[in-house]
Amino acid sequence: MLSFTEDKSTNEEQKVVKPITPAKLEEFKKAQVNTGIIYLSCVPPFMKPSKIKHLLGQYGNVGRVYLAPEDPKARLKRKKYGGNKKKKYTEGWVEFLDKKVAKLVAKTLNAQPIGGNKRNYYHDDLWNIKYLAKFKWNNLTEQIVEMANSETFSVADVGKKRKIEEEPRLNNNKFKQKSAEDEKDKHDKFKQRKLITSEVEEGYRSRNTTSEGVKKFLNKIFSK
């Protein structure tokens, strides 16, 4: 006898996520108001976001961390010539859940060595930190989107400009090619015409020569 069992996995997958309550939303907004962002104008070589969060997390609760990666071309060039294959970051933003802590961190750590264990790879590197007043994480995301869009437009504009610049050259090459082909056709026609003319002239001379010979032969016969 066949037995049927209910597939509970389907029901679990179809669970609807509960919408955020007004109270939770208000709590989130207040938390965002209290956050503070610090800016790292220089990131120690090959230091990862997790390492940044670990080091700065000793001074207060760290929220989000974003490090801007280096130009991919620079990394490829470094790898090509036998340099370090790890990813480097050029600058970064760190969010503290308390803006007072963010201000204090920027004030006390800026231009100071990272320190720690003397065997630490970053022991002698210096912090380059600035507190960004009235700057929130959503401002950063907006800037990143804007930069990404501007780079996209820039690439598109460069491609369009290159196409516009190359079009006259391509047209000129086509014109030169067509002119060369036309010149070749004229030359071939001229050679052919010259050849035909030469053949006609040669045939005419041959006929004249033959006629003169016939006349001389007949004169010899009838003059006897």
N, C-alpha and C. Protein backbone atom coordinates (compact mmCIF):
# COMPACT_ATOMS: atom_id res chain seq x y z
N MET A 1 0.84 -1.19 0.00
CA MET A 1 0.00 0.00 0.00
C MET A 1 0.87 1.24 0.00
N LEU A 2 0.58 2.16 -0.88
CA LEU A 2 1.37 3.38 -1.00
C LEU A 2 1.03 4.34 0.11
N SER A 3 2.05 4.99 0.63
CA SER A 3 1.83 6.00 1.68
C SER A 3 2.42 7.32 1.23
N PHE A 4 1.77 8.39 1.56
CA PHE A 4 2.21 9.72 1.16
C PHE A 4 2.63 10.52 2.39
N THR A 5 3.76 11.19 2.28
CA THR A 5 4.23 12.05 3.38
C THR A 5 4.32 13.48 2.88
N GLU A 6 4.03 14.41 3.73
CA GLU A 6 4.03 15.83 3.36
C GLU A 6 5.47 16.34 3.26
N ASP A 7 5.75 17.09 2.20
CA ASP A 7 7.08 17.67 2.00
C ASP A 7 7.15 18.98 2.78
N LYS A 8 7.76 18.93 3.95
CA LYS A 8 7.81 20.10 4.82
C LYS A 8 8.85 21.12 4.36
N SER A 9 9.84 20.69 3.58
CA SER A 9 10.89 21.60 3.13
C SER A 9 10.32 22.72 2.27
N THR A 10 9.29 22.37 1.48
CA THR A 10 8.66 23.38 0.62
C THR A 10 8.01 24.47 1.45
N ASN A 11 7.32 24.04 2.53
CA ASN A 11 6.66 25.01 3.40
C ASN A 11 7.67 25.90 4.12
N GLU A 12 8.81 25.30 4.49
CA GLU A 12 9.85 26.07 5.18
C GLU A 12 10.47 27.11 4.25
N GLU A 13 10.66 26.71 2.98
CA GLU A 13 11.25 27.63 2.02
C GLU A 13 10.32 28.79 1.70
N GLN A 14 9.01 28.55 1.85
CA GLN A 14 8.04 29.56 1.49
C GLN A 14 7.64 30.46 2.66
N LYS A 15 8.40 30.36 3.77
CA LYS A 15 8.10 31.21 4.91
C LYS A 15 8.28 32.67 4.54
N VAL A 16 7.33 33.47 4.90
CA VAL A 16 7.36 34.89 4.58
C VAL A 16 8.13 35.63 5.67
N VAL A 17 9.06 36.50 5.23
CA VAL A 17 9.82 37.29 6.19
C VAL A 17 8.92 38.39 6.74
N LYS A 18 8.88 38.48 8.04
CA LYS A 18 8.02 39.48 8.67
C LYS A 18 8.56 40.88 8.42
N PRO A 19 7.70 41.81 8.08
CA PRO A 19 8.15 43.19 7.87
C PRO A 19 8.62 43.81 9.17
N ILE A 20 9.57 44.75 9.06
CA ILE A 20 10.10 45.41 10.25
C ILE A 20 9.02 46.29 10.88
N THR A 21 8.95 46.25 12.17
CA THR A 21 7.94 47.03 12.89
C THR A 21 8.39 48.49 13.00
N PRO A 22 7.46 49.41 13.15
CA PRO A 22 7.81 50.83 13.32
C PRO A 22 8.78 51.06 14.48
N ALA A 23 8.61 50.28 15.54
CA ALA A 23 9.49 50.43 16.71
C ALA A 23 10.92 50.04 16.37
N LYS A 24 11.06 48.91 15.63
CA LYS A 24 12.39 48.45 15.23
C LYS A 24 13.03 49.45 14.26
N LEU A 25 12.23 50.00 13.36
CA LEU A 25 12.73 50.98 12.41
C LEU A 25 13.23 52.23 13.12
N GLU A 26 12.49 52.67 14.11
CA GLU A 26 12.88 53.85 14.89
C GLU A 26 14.16 53.58 15.67
N GLU A 27 14.27 52.37 16.18
CA GLU A 27 15.48 51.97 16.91
C GLU A 27 16.69 51.97 15.99
N PHE A 28 16.49 51.47 14.77
CA PHE A 28 17.58 51.43 13.79
C PHE A 28 18.03 52.85 13.43
N LYS A 29 17.07 53.75 13.23
CA LYS A 29 17.40 55.14 12.88
C LYS A 29 18.20 55.82 13.98
N LYS A 30 17.80 55.58 15.23
CA LYS A 30 18.52 56.17 16.35
C LYS A 30 19.95 55.64 16.42
N ALA A 31 20.08 54.34 16.14
CA ALA A 31 21.41 53.73 16.16
C ALA A 31 22.30 54.34 15.09
N GLN A 32 21.71 54.64 13.92
CA GLN A 32 22.47 55.24 12.83
C GLN A 32 22.90 56.66 13.19
N VAL A 33 22.06 57.37 13.89
CA VAL A 33 22.39 58.75 14.30
C VAL A 33 23.60 58.75 15.24
N ASN A 34 23.70 57.74 16.07
CA ASN A 34 24.78 57.67 17.06
C ASN A 34 26.10 57.15 16.49
N THR A 35 26.08 56.63 15.27
CA THR A 35 27.31 56.08 14.69
C THR A 35 28.26 57.19 14.25
N GLY A 36 29.54 56.81 14.15
CA GLY A 36 30.56 57.74 13.67
C GLY A 36 31.47 57.04 12.68
N ILE A 37 31.89 57.76 11.67
CA ILE A 37 32.74 57.17 10.62
C ILE A 37 34.13 57.79 10.67
N ILE A 38 35.15 56.94 10.61
CA ILE A 38 36.52 57.43 10.48
C ILE A 38 37.04 57.04 9.10
N TYR A 39 37.94 57.87 8.59
CA TYR A 39 38.49 57.67 7.24
C TYR A 39 39.96 57.32 7.33
N LEU A 40 40.35 56.25 6.67
CA LEU A 40 41.76 55.85 6.59
C LEU A 40 42.29 56.30 5.24
N SER A 41 43.11 57.33 5.25
CA SER A 41 43.64 57.85 3.98
C SER A 41 44.70 56.94 3.38
N CYS A 42 45.23 56.06 4.21
CA CYS A 42 46.24 55.10 3.74
C CYS A 42 46.07 53.81 4.53
N VAL A 43 45.99 52.71 3.82
CA VAL A 43 45.84 51.40 4.46
C VAL A 43 47.19 50.69 4.42
N PRO A 44 47.68 50.17 5.55
CA PRO A 44 48.94 49.43 5.54
C PRO A 44 48.94 48.35 4.46
N PRO A 45 50.08 48.12 3.82
CA PRO A 45 50.15 47.18 2.70
C PRO A 45 49.57 45.80 3.02
N PHE A 46 48.64 45.39 2.17
CA PHE A 46 48.05 44.04 2.21
C PHE A 46 47.23 43.76 3.49
N MET A 47 46.88 44.80 4.23
CA MET A 47 46.04 44.60 5.41
C MET A 47 44.59 44.40 4.98
N LYS A 48 43.96 43.37 5.51
CA LYS A 48 42.59 43.02 5.12
C LYS A 48 41.57 43.73 6.01
N PRO A 49 40.32 43.83 5.54
CA PRO A 49 39.26 44.45 6.34
C PRO A 49 39.09 43.79 7.71
N SER A 50 39.23 42.46 7.76
CA SER A 50 39.06 41.74 9.03
C SER A 50 40.14 42.15 10.04
N LYS A 51 41.35 42.40 9.54
CA LYS A 51 42.45 42.82 10.41
C LYS A 51 42.20 44.24 10.92
N ILE A 52 41.72 45.11 10.05
CA ILE A 52 41.37 46.48 10.45
C ILE A 52 40.32 46.45 11.56
N LYS A 53 39.29 45.64 11.35
CA LYS A 53 38.20 45.54 12.32
C LYS A 53 38.71 45.00 13.66
N HIS A 54 39.63 44.05 13.59
CA HIS A 54 40.18 43.46 14.81
C HIS A 54 41.00 44.48 15.59
N LEU A 55 41.86 45.23 14.89
CA LEU A 55 42.73 46.20 15.56
C LEU A 55 41.95 47.36 16.15
N LEU A 56 41.02 47.91 15.38
CA LEU A 56 40.26 49.07 15.86
C LEU A 56 39.14 48.66 16.81
N GLY A 57 38.75 47.39 16.73
CA GLY A 57 37.69 46.90 17.61
C GLY A 57 38.12 46.85 19.07
N GLN A 58 39.42 46.98 19.32
CA GLN A 58 39.92 47.00 20.70
C GLN A 58 39.50 48.27 21.44
N TYR A 59 39.14 49.31 20.66
CA TYR A 59 38.82 50.61 21.26
C TYR A 59 37.31 50.87 21.34
N GLY A 60 36.52 50.06 20.68
CA GLY A 60 35.08 50.24 20.72
C GLY A 60 34.39 49.33 19.72
N ASN A 61 33.08 49.30 19.77
CA ASN A 61 32.31 48.43 18.87
C ASN A 61 32.36 48.96 17.44
N VAL A 62 32.86 48.12 16.55
CA VAL A 62 32.97 48.49 15.13
C VAL A 62 31.81 47.88 14.37
N GLY A 63 31.19 48.69 13.53
CA GLY A 63 30.10 48.20 12.69
C GLY A 63 30.62 47.68 11.37
N ARG A 64 30.52 48.51 10.36
CA ARG A 64 30.92 48.10 9.01
C ARG A 64 32.28 48.67 8.63
N VAL A 65 32.96 47.93 7.75
CA VAL A 65 34.29 48.34 7.26
C VAL A 65 34.29 48.23 5.75
N TYR A 66 34.78 49.26 5.10
CA TYR A 66 34.92 49.19 3.63
C TYR A 66 36.31 49.70 3.25
N LEU A 67 37.05 48.87 2.53
CA LEU A 67 38.37 49.26 2.02
C LEU A 67 38.31 49.27 0.50
N ALA A 68 38.82 50.35 -0.08
CA ALA A 68 38.82 50.47 -1.55
C ALA A 68 40.00 49.71 -2.12
N PRO A 69 39.75 48.75 -3.01
CA PRO A 69 40.85 47.96 -3.58
C PRO A 69 41.69 48.79 -4.55
N GLU A 70 42.92 48.37 -4.72
CA GLU A 70 43.82 49.05 -5.64
C GLU A 70 43.39 48.80 -7.08
N ASP A 71 43.98 49.54 -7.99
CA ASP A 71 43.71 49.37 -9.41
C ASP A 71 44.14 47.97 -9.83
N PRO A 72 43.26 47.18 -10.44
CA PRO A 72 43.63 45.81 -10.86
C PRO A 72 44.87 45.77 -11.75
N LYS A 73 45.06 46.81 -12.55
CA LYS A 73 46.24 46.86 -13.43
C LYS A 73 47.52 46.91 -12.62
N ALA A 74 47.50 47.66 -11.51
CA ALA A 74 48.68 47.77 -10.65
C ALA A 74 49.02 46.42 -10.03
N ARG A 75 47.98 45.69 -9.63
CA ARG A 75 48.20 44.38 -9.03
C ARG A 75 48.75 43.40 -10.05
N LEU A 76 48.21 43.41 -11.26
CA LEU A 76 48.70 42.52 -12.32
C LEU A 76 50.15 42.82 -12.65
N LYS A 77 50.49 44.11 -12.68
CA LYS A 77 51.87 44.51 -12.98
C LYS A 77 52.81 44.03 -11.88
N ARG A 78 52.37 44.16 -10.62
CA ARG A 78 53.19 43.72 -9.49
C ARG A 78 53.40 42.21 -9.54
N LYS A 79 52.34 41.46 -9.83
CA LYS A 79 52.44 40.00 -9.92
C LYS A 79 53.33 39.59 -11.09
N LYS A 80 53.25 40.35 -12.18
CA LYS A 80 54.03 40.04 -13.38
C LYS A 80 55.52 40.10 -13.10
N TYR A 81 55.93 41.07 -12.28
CA TYR A 81 57.35 41.25 -11.99
C TYR A 81 57.77 40.59 -10.67
N GLY A 82 56.98 39.61 -10.23
CA GLY A 82 57.37 38.81 -9.09
C GLY A 82 57.07 39.40 -7.74
N GLY A 83 56.21 40.41 -7.67
CA GLY A 83 55.85 41.03 -6.40
C GLY A 83 54.81 40.24 -5.64
N ASN A 84 54.39 40.79 -4.51
CA ASN A 84 53.39 40.13 -3.66
C ASN A 84 52.06 39.99 -4.41
N LYS A 85 51.49 38.80 -4.36
CA LYS A 85 50.26 38.53 -5.10
C LYS A 85 49.00 38.93 -4.32
N LYS A 86 49.17 39.29 -3.05
CA LYS A 86 48.01 39.64 -2.23
C LYS A 86 47.37 40.94 -2.70
N LYS A 87 46.10 41.10 -2.34
CA LYS A 87 45.37 42.31 -2.72
C LYS A 87 45.72 43.46 -1.78
N LYS A 88 45.94 44.64 -2.37
CA LYS A 88 46.20 45.84 -1.58
C LYS A 88 44.97 46.74 -1.60
N TYR A 89 44.88 47.57 -0.57
CA TYR A 89 43.79 48.55 -0.48
C TYR A 89 44.38 49.94 -0.34
N THR A 90 43.75 50.90 -0.96
CA THR A 90 44.29 52.26 -1.00
C THR A 90 43.75 53.17 0.10
N GLU A 91 42.50 53.00 0.49
CA GLU A 91 41.86 53.83 1.51
C GLU A 91 40.70 53.06 2.12
N GLY A 92 40.19 53.59 3.25
CA GLY A 92 39.12 52.84 3.89
C GLY A 92 38.24 53.69 4.79
N TRP A 93 37.08 53.13 5.13
CA TRP A 93 36.11 53.77 6.02
C TRP A 93 35.69 52.75 7.08
N VAL A 94 35.68 53.18 8.32
CA VAL A 94 35.31 52.29 9.42
C VAL A 94 34.20 52.95 10.22
N GLU A 95 33.15 52.19 10.48
CA GLU A 95 32.00 52.69 11.23
C GLU A 95 32.07 52.22 12.68
N PHE A 96 32.03 53.17 13.60
CA PHE A 96 31.91 52.86 15.02
C PHE A 96 30.46 53.09 15.44
N LEU A 97 29.97 52.22 16.31
CA LEU A 97 28.58 52.34 16.74
C LEU A 97 28.36 53.55 17.64
N ASP A 98 29.46 54.07 18.18
CA ASP A 98 29.38 55.28 19.01
C ASP A 98 30.31 56.33 18.40
N LYS A 99 29.75 57.46 18.00
CA LYS A 99 30.56 58.49 17.34
C LYS A 99 31.59 59.11 18.28
N LYS A 100 31.33 59.06 19.60
CA LYS A 100 32.30 59.58 20.56
C LYS A 100 33.58 58.75 20.53
N VAL A 101 33.40 57.44 20.40
CA VAL A 101 34.54 56.53 20.29
C VAL A 101 35.29 56.79 18.99
N ALA A 102 34.55 57.00 17.91
CA ALA A 102 35.16 57.28 16.61
C ALA A 102 36.03 58.53 16.67
N LYS A 103 35.52 59.58 17.30
CA LYS A 103 36.28 60.83 17.46
C LYS A 103 37.54 60.60 18.28
N LEU A 104 37.40 59.85 19.36
CA LEU A 104 38.54 59.58 20.25
C LEU A 104 39.61 58.75 19.54
N VAL A 105 39.18 57.75 18.78
CA VAL A 105 40.11 56.89 18.04
C VAL A 105 40.90 57.72 17.03
N ALA A 106 40.20 58.57 16.29
CA ALA A 106 40.87 59.41 15.29
C ALA A 106 41.86 60.37 15.95
N LYS A 107 41.47 60.91 17.09
CA LYS A 107 42.31 61.90 17.77
C LYS A 107 43.57 61.27 18.37
N THR A 108 43.43 60.09 18.95
CA THR A 108 44.55 59.47 19.67
C THR A 108 45.44 58.59 18.80
N LEU A 109 44.88 57.97 17.76
CA LEU A 109 45.67 57.03 16.96
C LEU A 109 46.30 57.64 15.71
N ASN A 110 45.79 58.75 15.23
CA ASN A 110 46.32 59.33 13.99
C ASN A 110 47.82 59.62 14.11
N ALA A 111 48.56 59.18 13.10
CA ALA A 111 50.02 59.37 13.01
C ALA A 111 50.79 58.58 14.07
N GLN A 112 50.12 57.63 14.72
CA GLN A 112 50.77 56.78 15.71
C GLN A 112 51.04 55.40 15.11
N PRO A 113 52.13 54.75 15.56
CA PRO A 113 52.41 53.39 15.05
C PRO A 113 51.34 52.40 15.51
N ILE A 114 51.10 51.43 14.67
CA ILE A 114 50.10 50.41 15.01
C ILE A 114 50.53 49.64 16.25
N GLY A 115 51.83 49.39 16.35
CA GLY A 115 52.37 48.77 17.57
C GLY A 115 51.96 47.32 17.73
N GLY A 116 51.79 46.94 18.99
CA GLY A 116 51.49 45.54 19.28
C GLY A 116 52.76 44.73 19.41
N ASN A 117 52.67 43.46 19.15
CA ASN A 117 53.83 42.58 19.22
C ASN A 117 54.89 43.02 18.22
N LYS A 118 56.15 43.01 18.65
CA LYS A 118 57.23 43.46 17.76
C LYS A 118 57.36 42.58 16.52
N ARG A 119 56.89 41.36 16.63
CA ARG A 119 56.93 40.46 15.47
C ARG A 119 55.78 40.72 14.51
N ASN A 120 54.87 41.57 14.94
CA ASN A 120 53.72 41.90 14.09
C ASN A 120 54.20 42.56 12.80
N TYR A 121 53.69 42.09 11.68
CA TYR A 121 54.10 42.61 10.36
C TYR A 121 53.84 44.11 10.25
N TYR A 122 52.81 44.61 10.94
CA TYR A 122 52.42 46.01 10.82
C TYR A 122 52.87 46.85 12.02
N HIS A 123 53.78 46.33 12.80
CA HIS A 123 54.19 47.00 14.04
C HIS A 123 54.63 48.45 13.82
N ASP A 124 55.39 48.70 12.78
CA ASP A 124 55.96 50.04 12.55
C ASP A 124 55.13 50.91 11.60
N ASP A 125 54.06 50.36 11.05
CA ASP A 125 53.20 51.18 10.17
C ASP A 125 52.42 52.19 11.00
N LEU A 126 52.15 53.33 10.39
CA LEU A 126 51.44 54.40 11.10
C LEU A 126 49.97 54.46 10.67
N TRP A 127 49.11 54.78 11.63
CA TRP A 127 47.70 55.02 11.33
C TRP A 127 47.55 56.40 10.67
N ASN A 128 46.71 56.46 9.66
CA ASN A 128 46.35 57.74 9.03
C ASN A 128 44.83 57.86 9.11
N ILE A 129 44.36 58.46 10.20
CA ILE A 129 42.93 58.45 10.51
C ILE A 129 42.37 59.86 10.64
N LYS A 130 41.17 60.04 10.11
CA LYS A 130 40.47 61.31 10.24
C LYS A 130 38.99 61.02 10.55
N TYR A 131 38.45 61.77 11.50
CA TYR A 131 37.03 61.61 11.82
C TYR A 131 36.20 62.43 10.84
N LEU A 132 35.15 61.82 10.29
CA LEU A 132 34.28 62.50 9.33
C LEU A 132 33.01 62.97 10.03
N ALA A 133 33.00 64.23 10.35
CA ALA A 133 31.85 64.79 11.07
C ALA A 133 30.61 64.81 10.18
N LYS A 134 29.46 64.48 10.77
CA LYS A 134 28.16 64.49 10.08
C LYS A 134 28.16 63.59 8.83
N PHE A 135 28.97 62.56 8.88
CA PHE A 135 29.07 61.62 7.75
C PHE A 135 28.58 60.26 8.21
N LYS A 136 27.62 59.70 7.46
CA LYS A 136 27.04 58.41 7.81
C LYS A 136 27.32 57.39 6.71
N TRP A 137 27.03 56.14 7.03
CA TRP A 137 27.36 55.05 6.10
C TRP A 137 26.59 55.17 4.78
N ASN A 138 25.36 55.67 4.86
CA ASN A 138 24.58 55.82 3.62
C ASN A 138 25.21 56.86 2.69
N ASN A 139 25.91 57.87 3.28
CA ASN A 139 26.64 58.84 2.45
C ASN A 139 27.76 58.15 1.68
N LEU A 140 28.40 57.20 2.35
CA LEU A 140 29.49 56.46 1.70
C LEU A 140 28.97 55.61 0.56
N THR A 141 27.87 54.89 0.81
CA THR A 141 27.32 54.03 -0.25
C THR A 141 26.87 54.86 -1.45
N GLU A 142 26.33 56.04 -1.17
CA GLU A 142 25.92 56.93 -2.27
C GLU A 142 27.13 57.37 -3.09
N GLN A 143 28.24 57.67 -2.39
CA GLN A 143 29.47 58.07 -3.08
C GLN A 143 30.01 56.93 -3.93
N ILE A 144 29.97 55.72 -3.38
CA ILE A 144 30.48 54.55 -4.12
C ILE A 144 29.67 54.32 -5.38
N VAL A 145 28.35 54.42 -5.27
CA VAL A 145 27.47 54.25 -6.44
C VAL A 145 27.75 55.34 -7.46
N GLU A 146 27.91 56.57 -6.98
CA GLU A 146 28.17 57.69 -7.88
C GLU A 146 29.50 57.51 -8.61
N MET A 147 30.52 57.06 -7.86
CA MET A 147 31.84 56.83 -8.46
C MET A 147 31.76 55.71 -9.49
N ALA A 148 31.04 54.65 -9.16
CA ALA A 148 30.89 53.52 -10.09
C ALA A 148 30.20 53.97 -11.36
N ASN A 149 29.15 54.78 -11.22
CA ASN A 149 28.43 55.27 -12.39
C ASN A 149 29.31 56.18 -13.23
N SER A 150 30.07 57.05 -12.56
CA SER A 150 30.94 57.98 -13.30
C SER A 150 32.02 57.23 -14.05
N GLU A 151 32.54 56.14 -13.44
CA GLU A 151 33.55 55.32 -14.12
C GLU A 151 32.93 54.61 -15.31
N THR A 152 31.69 54.15 -15.16
CA THR A 152 31.00 53.49 -16.28
C THR A 152 30.80 54.47 -17.42
N PHE A 153 30.33 55.68 -17.07
CA PHE A 153 30.13 56.70 -18.10
C PHE A 153 31.46 57.07 -18.73
N SER A 154 32.50 57.12 -17.88
CA SER A 154 33.83 57.48 -18.38
C SER A 154 34.31 56.48 -19.41
N VAL A 155 34.14 55.19 -19.10
CA VAL A 155 34.55 54.14 -20.03
C VAL A 155 33.75 54.23 -21.33
N ALA A 156 32.44 54.47 -21.17
CA ALA A 156 31.58 54.59 -22.36
C ALA A 156 31.98 55.80 -23.19
N ASP A 157 32.29 56.92 -22.51
CA ASP A 157 32.68 58.14 -23.22
C ASP A 157 34.01 57.94 -23.95
N VAL A 158 34.94 57.24 -23.27
CA VAL A 158 36.24 56.98 -23.89
C VAL A 158 36.06 56.13 -25.14
N GLY A 159 35.20 55.09 -25.02
CA GLY A 159 34.94 54.23 -26.18
C GLY A 159 34.30 55.00 -27.32
N LYS A 160 33.36 55.87 -26.97
CA LYS A 160 32.68 56.68 -27.99
C LYS A 160 33.65 57.65 -28.64
N LYS A 161 34.49 58.29 -27.80
CA LYS A 161 35.47 59.25 -28.31
C LYS A 161 36.47 58.56 -29.23
N ARG A 162 36.91 57.37 -28.81
CA ARG A 162 37.87 56.62 -29.61
C ARG A 162 37.26 56.25 -30.96
N LYS A 163 35.98 55.88 -30.93
CA LYS A 163 35.29 55.52 -32.17
C LYS A 163 35.20 56.72 -33.10
N ILE A 164 34.88 57.90 -32.50
CA ILE A 164 34.77 59.12 -33.30
C ILE A 164 36.13 59.50 -33.89
N GLU A 165 37.19 59.32 -33.06
CA GLU A 165 38.53 59.66 -33.52
C GLU A 165 39.02 58.71 -34.60
N GLU A 166 38.64 57.44 -34.47
CA GLU A 166 39.12 56.44 -35.43
C GLU A 166 38.32 56.44 -36.73
N GLU A 167 37.09 56.96 -36.68
CA GLU A 167 36.22 56.91 -37.87
C GLU A 167 36.84 57.62 -39.07
N PRO A 168 37.37 58.87 -38.91
CA PRO A 168 38.00 59.52 -40.07
C PRO A 168 39.17 58.73 -40.61
N ARG A 169 39.97 58.13 -39.69
CA ARG A 169 41.12 57.34 -40.13
C ARG A 169 40.66 56.11 -40.91
N LEU A 170 39.61 55.45 -40.40
CA LEU A 170 39.08 54.28 -41.09
C LEU A 170 38.52 54.65 -42.46
N ASN A 171 37.79 55.78 -42.48
CA ASN A 171 37.24 56.25 -43.75
C ASN A 171 38.35 56.60 -44.72
N ASN A 172 39.42 57.21 -44.20
CA ASN A 172 40.56 57.58 -45.03
C ASN A 172 41.24 56.34 -45.59
N ASN A 173 41.37 55.30 -44.73
CA ASN A 173 41.96 54.04 -45.19
C ASN A 173 41.11 53.40 -46.28
N LYS A 174 39.77 53.45 -46.08
CA LYS A 174 38.87 52.91 -47.10
C LYS A 174 39.01 53.68 -48.41
N PHE A 175 39.14 55.02 -48.28
CA PHE A 175 39.27 55.86 -49.47
C PHE A 175 40.57 55.54 -50.20
N LYS A 176 41.65 55.39 -49.42
CA LYS A 176 42.95 55.05 -50.02
C LYS A 176 42.89 53.70 -50.71
N GLN A 177 42.24 52.73 -50.03
CA GLN A 177 42.12 51.40 -50.61
C GLN A 177 41.33 51.43 -51.91
N LYS A 178 40.22 52.18 -51.90
CA LYS A 178 39.38 52.28 -53.09
C LYS A 178 40.14 52.98 -54.21
N SER A 179 40.89 54.05 -53.86
CA SER A 179 41.67 54.78 -54.85
C SER A 179 42.73 53.88 -55.47
N ALA A 180 43.37 53.07 -54.60
CA ALA A 180 44.39 52.14 -55.09
C ALA A 180 43.78 51.11 -56.03
N GLU A 181 42.59 50.61 -55.66
CA GLU A 181 41.90 49.63 -56.51
C GLU A 181 41.49 50.26 -57.84
N ASP A 182 40.99 51.50 -57.79
CA ASP A 182 40.60 52.20 -59.03
C ASP A 182 41.82 52.43 -59.91
N GLU A 183 42.93 52.82 -59.27
CA GLU A 183 44.16 53.08 -60.02
C GLU A 183 44.66 51.80 -60.68
N LYS A 184 44.53 50.68 -59.94
CA LYS A 184 44.95 49.38 -60.48
C LYS A 184 44.09 49.00 -61.68
N ASP A 185 42.77 49.24 -61.56
CA ASP A 185 41.85 48.95 -62.67
C ASP A 185 42.21 49.77 -63.90
N LYS A 186 42.51 51.06 -63.68
CA LYS A 186 42.89 51.94 -64.79
C LYS A 186 44.17 51.45 -65.44
N HIS A 187 45.13 51.05 -64.58
CA HIS A 187 46.42 50.58 -65.09
C HIS A 187 46.24 49.31 -65.92
N ASP A 188 45.39 48.38 -65.39
CA ASP A 188 45.14 47.12 -66.11
C ASP A 188 44.44 47.39 -67.44
N LYS A 189 43.48 48.31 -67.43
CA LYS A 189 42.77 48.66 -68.66
C LYS A 189 43.71 49.30 -69.67
N PHE A 190 44.62 50.15 -69.14
CA PHE A 190 45.58 50.81 -70.02
C PHE A 190 46.51 49.79 -70.66
N LYS A 191 46.98 48.84 -69.83
CA LYS A 191 47.86 47.80 -70.36
C LYS A 191 47.14 46.98 -71.41
N GLN A 192 45.88 46.65 -71.11
CA GLN A 192 45.09 45.85 -72.05
C GLN A 192 44.86 46.61 -73.35
N ARG A 193 44.51 47.92 -73.21
CA ARG A 193 44.27 48.75 -74.39
C ARG A 193 45.54 48.89 -75.21
N LYS A 194 46.66 49.07 -74.51
CA LYS A 194 47.94 49.22 -75.20
C LYS A 194 48.31 47.94 -75.94
N LEU A 195 48.02 46.81 -75.26
CA LEU A 195 48.31 45.52 -75.87
C LEU A 195 47.47 45.31 -77.13
N ILE A 196 46.17 45.64 -77.03
CA ILE A 196 45.27 45.49 -78.19
C ILE A 196 45.71 46.39 -79.33
N THR A 197 46.07 47.63 -78.98
CA THR A 197 46.52 48.58 -80.00
C THR A 197 47.78 48.07 -80.69
N SER A 198 48.69 47.52 -79.86
CA SER A 198 49.93 46.99 -80.44
C SER A 198 49.64 45.84 -81.39
N GLU A 199 48.70 44.98 -80.99
CA GLU A 199 48.35 43.84 -81.84
C GLU A 199 47.72 44.30 -83.15
N VAL A 200 46.87 45.32 -83.07
CA VAL A 200 46.22 45.85 -84.28
C VAL A 200 47.25 46.45 -85.21
N GLU A 201 48.17 47.25 -84.61
CA GLU A 201 49.22 47.88 -85.44
C GLU A 201 50.11 46.84 -86.08
N GLU A 202 50.42 45.80 -85.31
CA GLU A 202 51.28 44.74 -85.83
C GLU A 202 50.58 44.02 -86.98
N GLY A 203 49.28 43.76 -86.81
CA GLY A 203 48.51 43.10 -87.88
C GLY A 203 48.43 43.97 -89.12
N TYR A 204 48.29 45.28 -88.91
CA TYR A 204 48.20 46.21 -90.05
C TYR A 204 49.52 46.23 -90.80
N ARG A 205 50.64 46.26 -90.03
CA ARG A 205 51.95 46.25 -90.68
C ARG A 205 52.16 44.95 -91.43
N SER A 206 51.70 43.85 -90.83
CA SER A 206 51.87 42.55 -91.48
C SER A 206 51.10 42.51 -92.80
N ARG A 207 49.87 43.06 -92.77
CA ARG A 207 49.07 43.07 -93.99
C ARG A 207 49.71 43.95 -95.06
N ASN A 208 50.24 45.08 -94.65
CA ASN A 208 50.90 45.98 -95.61
C ASN A 208 52.12 45.32 -96.21
N THR A 209 52.88 44.65 -95.34
CA THR A 209 54.09 43.97 -95.82
C THR A 209 53.72 42.88 -96.83
N THR A 210 52.66 42.14 -96.51
CA THR A 210 52.20 41.06 -97.41
C THR A 210 51.73 41.63 -98.74
N SER A 211 51.00 42.73 -98.71
CA SER A 211 50.49 43.35 -99.95
C SER A 211 51.63 43.82 -100.83
N GLU A 212 52.65 44.44 -100.24
CA GLU A 212 53.80 44.91 -101.02
C GLU A 212 54.53 43.75 -101.67
N GLY A 213 54.66 42.66 -100.92
CA GLY A 213 55.36 41.47 -101.46
C GLY A 213 54.60 40.88 -102.64
N VAL A 214 53.26 40.84 -102.51
CA VAL A 214 52.44 40.30 -103.60
C VAL A 214 52.57 41.15 -104.84
N LYS A 215 52.55 42.48 -104.66
CA LYS A 215 52.67 43.40 -105.80
C LYS A 215 53.99 43.19 -106.53
N LYS A 216 55.09 43.09 -105.76
CA LYS A 216 56.41 42.90 -106.36
C LYS A 216 56.46 41.58 -107.13
N PHE A 217 55.88 40.54 -106.56
CA PHE A 217 55.88 39.23 -107.21
C PHE A 217 55.10 39.27 -108.53
N LEU A 218 53.93 39.90 -108.52
CA LEU A 218 53.11 40.00 -109.74
C LEU A 218 53.81 40.83 -110.81
N ASN A 219 54.47 41.89 -110.38
CA ASN A 219 55.19 42.74 -111.34
C ASN A 219 56.29 41.96 -112.03
N LYS A 220 56.96 41.11 -111.24
CA LYS A 220 58.03 40.30 -111.83
C LYS A 220 57.48 39.35 -112.88
N ILE A 221 56.30 38.77 -112.59
CA ILE A 221 55.72 37.79 -113.54
C ILE A 221 55.28 38.48 -114.82
N PHE A 222 54.54 39.56 -114.69
CA PHE A 222 53.96 40.19 -115.87
C PHE A 222 54.95 41.07 -116.62
N SER A 223 56.07 41.37 -116.01
CA SER A 223 57.06 42.19 -116.72
C SER A 223 57.90 41.36 -117.65
N LYS A 224 57.85 40.04 -117.56
CA LYS A 224 58.65 39.17 -118.40
C LYS A 224 58.03 39.03 -119.76
